[in-house]
Amino acid sequence: MTQAEASLPRAVLWDLDGTLADSREFHWLSWQEALGQEGVLTTWDQFLASFGQRNDAILSAWLGPGADPDRIRRIGDRKEAIYRSLVKSRGIEPLPGAAEWVRSLSRSRWRQAIASSAPRLNVKVMHEALGFEGLINVLVAAEDVRRGKPDPEVFLVAAQRLGVAPGRCVVVEDAEAGIEAARRAGMRSVGVGAEGVEGADIVVPSLRDLPKGTFRRLLKTG
């Protein structure tokens, strides 16, 4: 890497659910309540398989072919309202190592974005609850893109809004679809967790295990 390249802006693009915070319980509870009001049942395994996808894709699969778009929208909106209420009333903590990395990168003048498949209101509520205001520069949510992960659109939009070239971005993800989206975007990636992230450039059990200097080294070897 030349000195001129090293001086270009750089960014970390964070997935939200499962990467910065473990929100699975709140999502599971809110799906159960929203679907229960419609007389629809789903299993924990079905829920886990859908985690990180957009609501329209999730509900189209769960409700079956020919599902009414208005019903999909109604259930999805109800679920997200329940979810936000749970986050506000119970609070949510960053996953181990997440807050430390966000603060460290901010001090080192890395630009940062949350690039999530969640609705914008959810992203804003979690951003505030996690205490990341003033640290993360850009929030990209489901309403900002037409296609969900593994399509790279969400990461490309985040990079554009940060003013950083894709090749100067590192994605942090906990899901296979997100890692694939990073690859398609031409970005390096960090996979967090035990399953589905084997395709990332580096894989760690948690952000707490991520070695110091990882993001800088990933860009140098990109």
Protein backbone atom coordinates (compact mmCIF):
# COMPACT_ATOMS: atom_id res chain seq x y z
CA MET A 1 0.00 0.00 0.00
CA THR A 2 1.40 3.40 -1.00
CA GLN A 3 1.50 6.39 1.34
CA ALA A 4 -1.23 8.07 -0.74
CA GLU A 5 -3.49 5.01 -0.40
CA ALA A 6 -2.87 4.85 3.34
CA SER A 7 -4.05 8.46 3.72
CA LEU A 8 -7.46 7.73 2.17
CA PRO A 9 -10.47 7.56 4.54
CA ARG A 10 -11.29 4.13 5.94
CA ALA A 11 -14.43 2.68 7.49
CA VAL A 12 -15.91 -0.16 9.48
CA LEU A 13 -19.45 -1.20 8.56
CA TRP A 14 -21.24 -2.95 11.39
CA ASP A 15 -24.10 -5.37 11.18
CA LEU A 16 -26.40 -4.76 14.14
CA ASP A 17 -28.42 -7.74 15.35
CA GLY A 18 -26.12 -10.49 16.56
CA THR A 19 -22.97 -8.45 15.96
CA LEU A 20 -23.17 -5.33 18.11
CA ALA A 21 -25.96 -6.65 20.34
CA ASP A 22 -27.76 -9.93 20.99
CA SER A 23 -31.37 -9.05 20.29
CA ARG A 24 -32.60 -12.54 19.44
CA GLU A 25 -34.77 -12.94 22.53
CA PHE A 26 -36.57 -9.65 21.91
CA HIS A 27 -37.14 -10.53 18.24
CA TRP A 28 -38.41 -14.00 19.15
CA LEU A 29 -40.84 -12.64 21.75
CA SER A 30 -42.13 -9.94 19.41
CA TRP A 31 -42.63 -12.40 16.53
CA GLN A 32 -44.51 -14.76 18.84
CA GLU A 33 -46.87 -12.02 19.97
CA ALA A 34 -47.41 -10.49 16.52
CA LEU A 35 -47.98 -13.85 14.81
CA GLY A 36 -50.10 -15.15 17.69
CA GLN A 37 -52.60 -12.37 17.09
CA GLU A 38 -52.98 -13.76 13.55
CA GLY A 39 -53.25 -17.39 14.63
CA VAL A 40 -49.88 -18.20 13.02
CA LEU A 41 -47.30 -20.41 14.71
CA THR A 42 -43.58 -20.61 14.01
CA THR A 43 -40.78 -22.62 15.59
CA TRP A 44 -37.51 -21.52 17.17
CA ASP A 45 -35.59 -23.24 14.36
CA GLN A 46 -37.58 -21.36 11.71
CA PHE A 47 -36.91 -18.14 13.57
CA LEU A 48 -33.15 -18.77 13.75
CA ALA A 49 -33.00 -19.61 10.05
CA SER A 50 -34.64 -16.28 9.21
CA PHE A 51 -32.59 -14.10 11.54
CA GLY A 52 -31.07 -11.09 9.78
CA GLN A 53 -33.45 -11.19 6.80
CA ARG A 54 -35.96 -8.51 5.86
CA ASN A 55 -39.48 -8.90 7.25
CA ASP A 56 -41.10 -9.14 3.82
CA ALA A 57 -38.89 -12.14 2.96
CA ILE A 58 -39.44 -13.77 6.36
CA LEU A 59 -43.23 -13.43 6.31
CA SER A 60 -43.54 -14.47 2.67
CA ALA A 61 -41.84 -17.75 3.62
CA TRP A 62 -43.81 -18.26 6.83
CA LEU A 63 -47.24 -17.35 5.46
CA GLY A 64 -46.81 -19.29 2.22
CA PRO A 65 -47.38 -18.57 -1.47
CA GLY A 66 -49.95 -15.91 -2.25
CA ALA A 67 -49.66 -14.19 1.12
CA ASP A 68 -51.47 -10.85 1.06
CA PRO A 69 -48.97 -7.94 0.94
CA ASP A 70 -51.16 -5.86 3.26
CA ARG A 71 -51.19 -8.68 5.81
CA ILE A 72 -47.42 -9.05 5.54
CA ARG A 73 -47.00 -5.32 6.15
CA ARG A 74 -49.47 -5.31 9.07
CA ILE A 75 -47.81 -8.21 10.88
CA GLY A 76 -44.34 -6.84 10.23
CA ASP A 77 -45.23 -3.38 11.53
CA ARG A 78 -46.85 -4.85 14.64
CA LYS A 79 -43.84 -7.05 15.34
CA GLU A 80 -41.40 -4.14 15.08
CA ALA A 81 -43.50 -1.94 17.36
CA ILE A 82 -43.48 -4.70 19.99
CA TYR A 83 -39.73 -5.13 19.52
CA ARG A 84 -38.97 -1.43 20.03
CA SER A 85 -41.12 -1.39 23.13
CA LEU A 86 -39.10 -4.28 24.59
CA VAL A 87 -35.78 -2.56 23.86
CA LYS A 88 -36.96 0.68 25.45
CA SER A 89 -38.48 -0.94 28.53
CA ARG A 90 -35.84 -3.60 29.23
CA GLY A 91 -32.74 -2.02 27.71
CA ILE A 92 -30.04 -3.83 25.75
CA GLU A 93 -26.30 -4.17 26.25
CA PRO A 94 -23.55 -4.33 23.62
CA LEU A 95 -22.07 -7.77 23.04
CA PRO A 96 -18.62 -8.39 24.61
CA GLY A 97 -15.99 -6.23 22.97
CA ALA A 98 -18.44 -4.27 20.80
CA ALA A 99 -18.44 -0.99 22.72
CA GLU A 100 -14.69 -1.10 23.20
CA TRP A 101 -14.09 -1.50 19.47
CA VAL A 102 -16.59 1.19 18.47
CA ARG A 103 -14.95 3.68 20.84
CA SER A 104 -11.40 2.70 19.86
CA LEU A 105 -12.12 3.04 16.14
CA SER A 106 -13.78 6.41 16.71
CA ARG A 107 -10.70 7.66 18.58
CA SER A 108 -8.53 6.45 15.68
CA ARG A 109 -10.71 8.43 13.26
CA TRP A 110 -12.17 5.47 11.41
CA ARG A 111 -15.55 6.27 9.92
CA GLN A 112 -18.28 3.90 11.08
CA ALA A 113 -21.75 2.88 9.95
CA ILE A 114 -24.44 0.48 11.03
CA ALA A 115 -25.61 -1.37 7.90
CA SER A 116 -28.65 -3.41 8.89
CA SER A 117 -31.63 -5.21 7.40
CA ALA A 118 -33.76 -3.90 10.28
CA PRO A 119 -36.29 -1.06 9.90
CA ARG A 120 -34.90 2.44 10.45
CA LEU A 121 -36.82 3.04 13.69
CA ASN A 122 -35.35 -0.16 15.16
CA VAL A 123 -31.83 0.85 14.17
CA LYS A 124 -32.28 4.28 15.76
CA VAL A 125 -33.72 2.85 18.98
CA MET A 126 -30.87 0.34 19.32
CA HIS A 127 -28.24 2.94 18.38
CA GLU A 128 -29.45 5.09 21.26
CA ALA A 129 -29.90 2.20 23.72
CA LEU A 130 -26.35 0.96 23.06
CA GLY A 131 -24.88 4.41 23.73
CA PHE A 132 -23.25 4.75 20.30
CA GLU A 133 -24.51 8.24 19.46
CA GLY A 134 -21.64 10.45 18.37
CA LEU A 135 -19.47 7.40 17.65
CA ILE A 136 -21.17 5.85 14.62
CA ASN A 137 -21.53 8.29 11.74
CA VAL A 138 -24.16 6.73 9.47
CA LEU A 139 -27.18 4.45 9.93
CA VAL A 140 -28.39 2.43 6.93
CA ALA A 141 -31.60 0.45 7.33
CA ALA A 142 -34.09 -1.64 5.36
CA GLU A 143 -35.84 1.44 3.92
CA ASP A 144 -32.59 2.63 2.33
CA VAL A 145 -32.17 -0.35 0.00
CA ARG A 146 -34.23 -2.39 -2.42
CA ARG A 147 -32.48 -5.71 -1.91
CA GLY A 148 -31.41 -7.41 1.30
CA LYS A 149 -28.24 -9.33 2.07
CA PRO A 150 -26.53 -11.28 0.47
CA ASP A 151 -26.96 -8.50 -2.08
CA PRO A 152 -24.19 -5.95 -1.36
CA GLU A 153 -26.45 -2.89 -1.67
CA VAL A 154 -26.65 -2.09 2.06
CA PHE A 155 -22.86 -2.00 2.39
CA LEU A 156 -22.35 -0.02 -0.81
CA VAL A 157 -24.90 2.57 0.34
CA ALA A 158 -23.16 2.82 3.74
CA ALA A 159 -19.76 3.30 2.07
CA GLN A 160 -21.15 5.95 -0.26
CA ARG A 161 -22.72 7.91 2.60
CA LEU A 162 -19.49 7.75 4.57
CA GLY A 163 -17.50 8.91 1.55
CA VAL A 164 -15.23 5.85 1.67
CA ALA A 165 -14.29 3.60 -1.26
CA PRO A 166 -15.52 -0.03 -0.92
CA GLY A 167 -11.95 -1.29 -0.93
CA ARG A 168 -11.26 0.83 2.18
CA CYS A 169 -14.15 -0.69 4.15
CA VAL A 170 -14.19 -3.64 6.56
CA VAL A 171 -17.53 -5.32 7.30
CA VAL A 172 -18.26 -6.97 10.66
CA GLU A 173 -20.98 -9.63 10.45
CA ASP A 174 -22.37 -12.65 12.26
CA ALA A 175 -24.26 -14.23 9.35
CA GLU A 176 -23.35 -16.02 6.13
CA ALA A 177 -25.53 -13.70 4.04
CA GLY A 178 -23.69 -10.67 5.41
CA ILE A 179 -20.26 -12.14 4.75
CA GLU A 180 -21.31 -12.93 1.17
CA ALA A 181 -22.66 -9.39 0.77
CA ALA A 182 -19.29 -8.00 1.90
CA ARG A 183 -17.47 -10.18 -0.62
CA ARG A 184 -19.73 -9.02 -3.45
CA ALA A 185 -19.16 -5.41 -2.39
CA GLY A 186 -15.39 -5.87 -2.68
CA MET A 187 -14.87 -5.38 1.05
CA ARG A 188 -12.83 -7.25 3.65
CA SER A 189 -14.78 -8.91 6.45
CA VAL A 190 -14.69 -10.03 10.06
CA GLY A 191 -16.96 -12.93 10.98
CA VAL A 192 -18.19 -13.08 14.57
CA GLY A 193 -19.56 -16.35 15.94
CA ALA A 194 -19.28 -20.08 15.51
CA GLU A 195 -21.38 -20.85 12.43
CA GLY A 196 -21.97 -19.46 8.96
CA VAL A 197 -19.10 -16.98 8.90
CA GLU A 198 -16.31 -19.29 7.74
CA GLY A 199 -15.99 -17.31 4.51
CA ALA A 200 -14.85 -14.15 6.30
CA ASP A 201 -11.26 -12.94 6.09
CA ILE A 202 -10.93 -13.44 9.83
CA VAL A 203 -13.26 -15.29 12.20
CA VAL A 204 -13.46 -14.83 15.98
CA PRO A 205 -15.84 -16.23 18.62
CA SER A 206 -16.61 -12.69 19.81
CA LEU A 207 -15.39 -9.14 19.27
CA ARG A 208 -13.59 -9.42 22.58
CA ASP A 209 -11.28 -11.95 20.87
CA LEU A 210 -10.44 -9.71 17.92
CA PRO A 211 -6.69 -8.93 18.00
CA LYS A 212 -5.59 -5.32 18.25
CA GLY A 213 -4.80 -3.82 14.85
CA THR A 214 -7.01 -6.29 12.94
CA PHE A 215 -8.86 -3.67 10.87
CA ARG A 216 -5.66 -1.89 9.85
CA ARG A 217 -4.02 -5.18 8.83
CA LEU A 218 -7.04 -6.28 6.81
CA LEU A 219 -6.84 -3.16 4.67
CA LYS A 220 -3.10 -3.56 4.20
CA THR A 221 -3.58 -7.11 2.90
CA GLY A 222 -6.70 -6.36 0.86
